[in-house]
Protein backbone atom coordinates (compact mmCIF):
# COMPACT_ATOMS: atom_id res chain seq x y z
CA MET A 1 -6.58 2.38 -0.14
CA THR A 2 -9.59 4.62 0.15
CA ALA A 3 -9.72 8.41 0.18
CA GLY A 4 -9.22 9.78 3.66
CA THR A 5 -7.01 6.92 4.82
CA THR A 6 -4.29 7.95 7.24
CA ALA A 7 -0.99 6.09 7.14
CA ILE A 8 1.97 6.24 9.53
CA MET A 9 5.46 4.83 9.14
CA ARG A 10 7.85 4.86 12.08
CA VAL A 11 11.25 3.38 12.89
CA GLU A 12 12.83 3.44 16.36
CA THR A 13 16.15 2.11 17.56
CA VAL A 14 17.40 0.98 20.97
CA ALA A 15 21.16 1.36 21.41
CA VAL A 16 23.74 0.64 24.10
CA SER A 17 26.20 3.12 22.57
CA ASP A 18 26.63 5.41 19.55
CA THR A 19 27.78 2.44 17.47
CA GLU A 20 25.90 -0.57 18.91
CA VAL A 21 22.18 -0.85 18.13
CA THR A 22 20.45 -3.68 20.01
CA ARG A 23 16.99 -3.40 18.53
CA ILE A 24 15.16 -1.79 15.59
CA ILE A 25 11.39 -1.54 15.69
CA ALA A 26 9.47 -0.48 12.59
CA VAL A 27 5.70 -0.03 12.29
CA VAL A 28 3.32 0.83 9.48
CA GLY A 29 -0.23 1.77 10.48
CA PHE A 30 -3.45 2.55 8.62
CA THR A 31 -6.91 3.77 9.57
CA GLU A 32 -8.60 1.12 7.44
CA THR A 33 -8.86 -2.64 7.17
CA ALA A 34 -6.28 -4.82 5.45
CA SER A 35 -6.22 -4.84 1.68
CA SER A 36 -3.75 -5.74 -1.03
CA ALA A 37 -2.73 -2.05 -1.16
CA THR A 38 -1.98 -1.79 2.58
CA ASP A 39 -0.17 -5.15 2.48
CA GLN A 40 2.01 -3.97 -0.41
CA ILE A 41 2.91 -0.66 1.25
CA ALA A 42 3.89 -2.48 4.45
CA ARG A 43 5.90 -5.10 2.54
CA SER A 44 7.78 -2.41 0.65
CA PHE A 45 8.64 -0.20 3.65
CA LEU A 46 9.40 -2.97 6.14
CA GLY A 47 11.26 -4.96 3.48
CA PHE A 48 13.53 -1.96 3.02
CA VAL A 49 14.08 -1.66 6.79
CA ALA A 50 15.11 -5.35 6.82
CA THR A 51 18.10 -4.56 4.59
CA VAL A 52 19.89 -2.59 7.34
CA PRO A 53 23.58 -3.56 7.36
CA TYR A 54 25.06 -5.50 10.28
CA GLN A 55 27.72 -8.19 10.69
CA ASP A 56 26.84 -11.38 8.78
CA ALA A 57 23.67 -9.78 7.38
CA ASP A 58 21.88 -11.28 4.39
CA PRO A 59 19.84 -8.27 3.20
CA ASN A 60 18.24 -10.00 0.19
CA ALA A 61 17.06 -12.99 2.22
CA ALA A 62 15.86 -10.72 5.03
CA ARG A 63 13.83 -8.56 2.62
CA GLN A 64 12.30 -11.64 1.00
CA TRP A 65 11.35 -13.10 4.39
CA VAL A 66 9.75 -9.83 5.53
CA GLU A 67 7.83 -9.40 2.28
CA ALA A 68 6.53 -12.98 2.59
CA HIS A 69 5.57 -12.84 6.29
CA VAL A 70 4.79 -9.29 7.44
CA ALA A 71 1.20 -9.28 6.14
CA SER A 72 0.35 -12.47 8.04
CA SER A 73 -2.03 -12.17 10.96
CA GLU A 74 0.18 -14.67 12.81
CA SER A 75 3.47 -13.38 14.16
CA SER A 76 6.53 -14.99 12.56
CA LYS A 77 10.15 -15.19 13.69
CA THR A 78 13.47 -16.10 12.04
CA THR A 79 17.20 -15.37 12.27
CA PHE A 80 19.63 -13.90 9.73
CA GLY A 81 23.25 -13.70 10.84
CA GLY A 82 23.38 -12.09 14.27
CA ALA A 83 19.82 -10.72 14.28
CA GLU A 84 16.41 -12.16 15.09
CA PHE A 85 13.55 -10.87 12.93
CA SER A 86 9.91 -10.98 14.04
CA GLY A 87 6.81 -9.40 12.58
CA GLY A 88 3.23 -9.64 11.51
CA ARG A 89 -0.06 -7.78 11.15
CA SER A 90 -2.56 -6.84 13.87
CA THR A 91 -5.61 -4.68 14.38
CA VAL A 92 -5.92 -2.39 17.40
CA LEU A 93 -8.99 -0.18 17.96
CA ASN A 94 -10.02 -0.42 14.29
CA SER A 95 -6.54 0.57 13.08
CA LEU A 96 -4.28 -1.77 11.15
CA PHE A 97 -0.63 -2.22 12.13
CA TYR A 98 2.22 -4.09 10.44
CA SER A 99 5.34 -4.50 12.55
CA LEU A 100 8.93 -5.64 12.21
CA GLU A 101 11.43 -6.04 15.02
CA LEU A 102 15.11 -6.76 14.50
CA ARG A 103 16.92 -7.76 17.69
CA SER A 104 20.65 -8.24 17.97
CA LEU A 105 21.45 -11.71 19.29
CA GLY A 106 24.68 -10.33 20.78
CA PHE A 107 22.79 -8.55 23.55
CA GLY A 108 20.23 -9.55 26.16
CA SER A 109 16.55 -8.74 25.67
CA GLU A 110 16.14 -5.31 27.20
């Protein structure tokens, strides 16, 4: 990363109750173009988010999948236990974004 680069990391959840989360959305953004440094930061943060516990989770496999796919410019999707994972990299108005969405398969798409 270059001097003066701004980075953001954000995680949001969508819940139907205090104990039932239906969706987790995590984003990492940078004010520069993709590089091995930005890819690695996104892999590390979003890989950690992927280890969130839920019924029938496979945190190691989820982290490995995220680390392998999140820096791709093509969106990818897979399922681990009761959650669908999707993510990828995009550029919007000269800013770089890496995203990860975990959606519970036990609920409708809200």
